Amino acid sequence: MENALLIGLSRQVALRRQMDVVANNLANMNTAGYKSGSLMFEEHLMPVAEMNELTGQDRKVSFVLDTSVYRSFTEGNFEQSGNDLDVALSGDGWFVVQTPEGDRYTRNGQLKLNADGQLVSPAGYPVMGEGGPITFGPNEAGIEIATDGTISTSEGPRGRLRVVQFDNNAALKKEGETLFTTDAQPNDAEDIRVLQGVIEKSNVQPISELTRMIETVRAYTSVTQTVSQAQDLRREAIERLGTPPRG
């Protein structure tokens, strides 16, 4: 009976974690460059716990374990914004931004200029060009960004956006909403087009996420009922065993 309660508790913990992931996806469905996540589950066999009253393979007690969050790196839909500093990447590439902790990678191309005329990410981190951060003078106008990432203004070329690729995007770890980090070495991007005046929307599928949320709530309710029934049986057993026989 204790095993039944523990198994139910492990499932409740995993479902609660899944609800957190789904809720985070829905909260960022309008965040440019956001990549949706899905919780990965696996069966965990306890090495010592057994249901001794059973025979065969069912004797081993199996718990639910949430191991990691899988990220979908598919492209989101592209949307025209009309803002010259909005850029999107067509293809499997990443912008590079400089943070106090080192380089980070993002698909969120809603760029802006800070007070010093430096091109920065929505969070204020410098966006890296091939020669370092890109800065504009106070009199420069007419920012144009070519499909190869070259930036030009009324004063001429100002640099080229650094765009990279990775051999395996699964090595990227989420940091914040749209930043990623990894120990893997990036490669120069190939077959990538930089689109000016365009933003890449989140790749979250709202209907799918709402469906998952409903399924998660139903599963949690079912497990809660099972745990409650197991507790009732335990309470009844204790009451019966604790009642002295009438003489």
Protein backbone atom coordinates (compact mmCIF):
# COMPACT_ATOMS: atom_id res chain seq x y z
CA MET A 1 0.00 0.00 0.00
CA GLU A 2 2.93 2.32 0.75
CA ASN A 3 4.27 1.56 -2.73
CA ALA A 4 0.95 2.55 -4.31
CA LEU A 5 1.06 5.90 -2.53
CA LEU A 6 4.67 6.53 -3.56
CA ILE A 7 3.99 5.61 -7.18
CA GLY A 8 1.00 7.96 -7.24
CA LEU A 9 3.08 10.73 -5.68
CA SER A 10 5.82 10.29 -8.31
CA ARG A 11 3.21 10.61 -11.05
CA GLN A 12 1.72 13.72 -9.43
CA VAL A 13 5.14 15.39 -9.25
CA ALA A 14 5.81 14.59 -12.93
CA LEU A 15 2.38 15.89 -14.00
CA ARG A 16 2.87 19.10 -12.04
CA ARG A 17 6.19 19.62 -13.78
CA GLN A 18 4.50 18.96 -17.12
CA MET A 19 1.87 21.57 -16.33
CA ASP A 20 4.66 24.09 -15.63
CA VAL A 21 6.19 23.39 -19.05
CA VAL A 22 2.85 23.68 -20.87
CA ALA A 23 1.97 26.89 -19.00
CA ASN A 24 5.36 28.39 -19.91
CA ASN A 25 4.77 27.54 -23.57
CA LEU A 26 1.38 29.24 -23.54
CA ALA A 27 2.76 32.28 -21.70
CA ASN A 28 5.35 32.72 -24.48
CA MET A 29 3.17 31.99 -27.48
CA ASN A 30 3.66 35.61 -28.61
CA THR A 31 7.37 35.84 -27.73
CA ALA A 32 9.50 36.23 -30.86
CA GLY A 33 11.99 33.40 -31.35
CA TYR A 34 10.63 31.29 -28.48
CA LYS A 35 11.09 27.53 -28.86
CA SER A 36 8.47 25.29 -27.26
CA GLY A 37 9.36 22.57 -24.79
CA SER A 38 8.00 19.12 -23.98
CA LEU A 39 8.70 17.14 -20.83
CA MET A 40 10.46 13.79 -21.30
CA PHE A 41 9.37 10.90 -19.09
CA GLU A 42 10.92 7.54 -18.40
CA GLU A 43 10.19 4.52 -16.25
CA HIS A 44 12.30 4.21 -13.12
CA LEU A 45 12.50 0.77 -11.52
CA MET A 46 13.28 0.86 -7.81
CA PRO A 47 16.15 -1.56 -7.11
CA VAL A 48 14.81 -2.74 -3.75
CA ALA A 49 11.07 -2.06 -3.67
CA GLU A 50 8.85 -4.96 -4.72
CA MET A 51 5.21 -5.98 -4.60
CA ASN A 52 5.85 -9.29 -2.90
CA GLU A 53 2.26 -10.44 -3.11
CA LEU A 54 2.57 -10.54 -6.93
CA THR A 55 4.47 -12.94 -9.16
CA GLY A 56 6.32 -12.42 -12.42
CA GLN A 57 7.67 -9.17 -13.85
CA ASP A 58 5.00 -7.05 -12.11
CA ARG A 59 6.78 -7.53 -8.79
CA LYS A 60 9.19 -4.68 -9.51
CA VAL A 61 7.87 -1.26 -8.48
CA SER A 62 7.98 1.24 -11.35
CA PHE A 63 8.00 5.00 -10.73
CA VAL A 64 7.55 7.91 -13.15
CA LEU A 65 10.62 10.08 -13.65
CA ASP A 66 10.73 13.35 -15.59
CA THR A 67 14.22 13.45 -17.02
CA SER A 68 14.49 16.62 -19.10
CA VAL A 69 12.73 19.11 -21.33
CA TYR A 70 12.93 18.48 -25.06
CA ARG A 71 13.04 21.63 -27.20
CA SER A 72 11.51 21.88 -30.65
CA PHE A 73 13.79 23.98 -32.85
CA THR A 74 11.44 24.17 -35.82
CA GLU A 75 11.00 27.62 -37.35
CA GLY A 76 8.12 29.74 -36.19
CA ASN A 77 5.98 31.66 -38.67
CA PHE A 78 7.45 34.84 -40.16
CA GLU A 79 5.60 38.12 -39.77
CA GLN A 80 6.28 41.46 -41.42
CA SER A 81 6.83 44.15 -38.80
CA GLY A 82 7.93 47.15 -40.85
CA ASN A 83 10.67 47.90 -38.30
CA ASP A 84 14.11 48.20 -39.92
CA LEU A 85 15.80 46.73 -36.84
CA ASP A 86 13.66 43.60 -36.78
CA VAL A 87 15.43 40.65 -38.39
CA ALA A 88 14.64 36.98 -38.76
CA LEU A 89 16.72 33.99 -39.85
CA SER A 90 15.48 31.74 -42.61
CA GLY A 91 17.27 28.47 -41.99
CA ASP A 92 18.99 26.71 -39.12
CA GLY A 93 21.01 29.56 -37.65
CA TRP A 94 21.43 31.66 -34.51
CA PHE A 95 22.26 35.26 -33.69
CA VAL A 96 25.07 35.74 -31.18
CA VAL A 97 24.67 38.14 -28.24
CA GLN A 98 27.26 39.08 -25.64
CA THR A 99 26.23 38.69 -22.00
CA PRO A 100 28.24 39.10 -18.78
CA GLU A 101 28.43 35.28 -18.67
CA GLY A 102 29.69 34.94 -22.25
CA ASP A 103 28.20 34.47 -25.69
CA ARG A 104 24.60 33.34 -25.91
CA TYR A 105 22.49 32.35 -28.91
CA THR A 106 19.00 33.45 -29.89
CA ARG A 107 16.44 33.47 -32.71
CA ASN A 108 14.78 36.59 -31.34
CA GLY A 109 15.70 39.30 -33.82
CA GLN A 110 13.71 42.19 -32.35
CA LEU A 111 16.82 44.36 -32.14
CA LYS A 112 17.13 47.97 -30.99
CA LEU A 113 19.69 50.70 -30.38
CA ASN A 114 20.76 51.62 -26.86
CA ALA A 115 21.71 55.10 -25.65
CA ASP A 116 25.24 54.65 -27.03
CA GLY A 117 24.00 53.75 -30.51
CA GLN A 118 24.95 50.11 -30.06
CA LEU A 119 22.85 47.36 -31.62
CA VAL A 120 21.43 45.26 -28.79
CA SER A 121 18.98 42.43 -28.13
CA PRO A 122 15.55 42.97 -26.49
CA ALA A 123 17.24 42.31 -23.13
CA GLY A 124 19.90 44.95 -23.84
CA TYR A 125 22.81 42.61 -24.66
CA PRO A 126 25.14 43.67 -27.50
CA VAL A 127 24.43 41.84 -30.74
CA MET A 128 27.66 40.50 -32.19
CA GLY A 129 28.92 41.24 -35.67
CA GLU A 130 31.77 39.36 -37.28
CA GLY A 131 34.12 42.01 -35.91
CA GLY A 132 32.44 42.49 -32.53
CA PRO A 133 29.53 44.69 -31.37
CA ILE A 134 27.97 47.00 -33.97
CA THR A 135 27.66 50.71 -33.19
CA PHE A 136 26.02 53.52 -35.16
CA GLY A 137 26.89 57.21 -35.13
CA PRO A 138 24.34 59.90 -34.17
CA ASN A 139 24.00 61.17 -37.75
CA GLU A 140 23.59 57.82 -39.47
CA ALA A 141 20.26 56.98 -41.04
CA GLY A 142 18.67 54.51 -43.44
CA ILE A 143 19.73 51.24 -41.85
CA GLU A 144 19.66 48.44 -44.40
CA ILE A 145 20.38 44.79 -43.64
CA ALA A 146 21.17 42.50 -46.58
CA THR A 147 20.24 38.83 -46.75
CA ASP A 148 23.84 37.89 -45.87
CA GLY A 149 23.62 40.00 -42.68
CA THR A 150 25.66 42.97 -43.95
CA ILE A 151 24.48 46.22 -42.33
CA SER A 152 24.75 49.52 -44.19
CA THR A 153 23.65 53.06 -43.43
CA SER A 154 23.92 56.49 -45.01
CA GLU A 155 27.57 56.41 -43.94
CA GLY A 156 28.31 53.11 -45.69
CA PRO A 157 28.83 49.51 -44.43
CA ARG A 158 28.81 49.15 -40.64
CA GLY A 159 29.49 45.45 -40.25
CA ARG A 160 27.93 42.06 -40.73
CA LEU A 161 25.77 40.19 -38.25
CA ARG A 162 27.42 37.08 -36.85
CA VAL A 163 25.19 34.09 -37.53
CA VAL A 164 26.24 30.60 -36.42
CA GLN A 165 25.08 27.00 -36.61
CA PHE A 166 25.59 23.92 -34.46
CA ASP A 167 26.07 20.29 -35.41
CA ASN A 168 23.32 19.34 -32.98
CA ASN A 169 20.84 21.88 -31.62
CA ALA A 170 19.94 19.44 -28.85
CA ALA A 171 23.17 20.51 -27.13
CA LEU A 172 21.68 23.98 -26.58
CA LYS A 173 20.37 24.67 -23.10
CA LYS A 174 17.65 27.23 -22.51
CA GLU A 175 18.64 30.29 -20.50
CA GLY A 176 15.85 32.79 -19.99
CA GLU A 177 13.00 32.86 -22.48
CA THR A 178 14.82 33.09 -25.81
CA LEU A 179 18.54 32.73 -25.00
CA PHE A 180 20.46 29.48 -25.26
CA THR A 181 23.90 28.40 -24.10
CA THR A 182 26.13 25.45 -24.91
CA ASP A 183 29.68 24.20 -24.51
CA ALA A 184 29.69 23.08 -28.16
CA GLN A 185 31.68 25.16 -30.61
CA PRO A 186 29.55 27.06 -33.17
CA ASN A 187 30.17 26.88 -36.90
CA ASP A 188 29.82 29.66 -39.45
CA ALA A 189 26.27 29.55 -40.78
CA GLU A 190 25.64 28.30 -44.30
CA ASP A 191 22.51 28.60 -46.46
CA ILE A 192 21.01 31.18 -44.08
CA ARG A 193 19.07 34.25 -45.18
CA VAL A 194 18.68 37.31 -42.94
CA LEU A 195 15.28 38.94 -43.45
CA GLN A 196 14.94 42.63 -42.54
CA GLY A 197 11.66 43.99 -41.22
CA VAL A 198 10.52 40.49 -40.28
CA ILE A 199 10.18 38.72 -36.94
CA GLU A 200 10.08 34.99 -36.30
CA LYS A 201 7.13 34.22 -34.07
CA SER A 202 7.07 31.53 -31.41
CA ASN A 203 6.74 27.96 -32.70
CA VAL A 204 4.20 27.17 -29.95
CA GLN A 205 1.03 25.52 -31.26
CA PRO A 206 -1.70 26.95 -28.96
CA ILE A 207 -4.35 24.30 -29.72
CA SER A 208 -1.89 21.46 -29.07
CA GLU A 209 -0.75 23.07 -25.82
CA LEU A 210 -4.32 23.59 -24.60
CA THR A 211 -5.08 19.95 -25.40
CA ARG A 212 -2.02 18.85 -23.44
CA MET A 213 -3.08 21.04 -20.53
CA ILE A 214 -6.54 19.43 -20.43
CA GLU A 215 -5.02 15.93 -20.63
CA THR A 216 -2.59 16.77 -17.83
CA VAL A 217 -5.37 18.07 -15.57
CA ARG A 218 -7.43 14.93 -16.19
CA ALA A 219 -4.46 12.66 -15.49
CA TYR A 220 -3.64 14.55 -12.29
CA THR A 221 -7.25 14.28 -11.11
CA SER A 222 -7.28 10.54 -11.82
CA VAL A 223 -4.02 9.97 -9.91
CA THR A 224 -5.30 12.08 -6.99
CA GLN A 225 -8.40 9.91 -6.76
CA THR A 226 -6.27 6.74 -6.80
CA VAL A 227 -4.00 8.08 -4.05
CA SER A 228 -7.05 9.10 -2.00
CA GLN A 229 -8.54 5.60 -2.34
CA ALA A 230 -5.23 4.04 -1.26
CA GLN A 231 -5.16 6.30 1.79
CA ASP A 232 -8.74 5.33 2.65
CA LEU A 233 -7.84 1.64 2.44
CA ARG A 234 -4.83 2.19 4.64
CA ARG A 235 -6.89 4.09 7.20
CA GLU A 236 -9.54 1.37 7.22
CA ALA A 237 -6.91 -1.34 7.67
CA ILE A 238 -5.34 0.49 10.60
CA GLU A 239 -8.73 0.99 12.25
CA ARG A 240 -9.64 -2.68 11.91
CA LEU A 241 -6.28 -3.95 13.07
CA GLY A 242 -6.25 -1.51 15.96
CA THR A 243 -9.66 -2.53 17.25
CA PRO A 244 -9.34 -5.24 19.91
CA PRO A 245 -11.57 -8.28 19.42
CA ARG A 246 -14.69 -8.42 21.51
CA GLY A 247 -14.55 -11.08 24.08
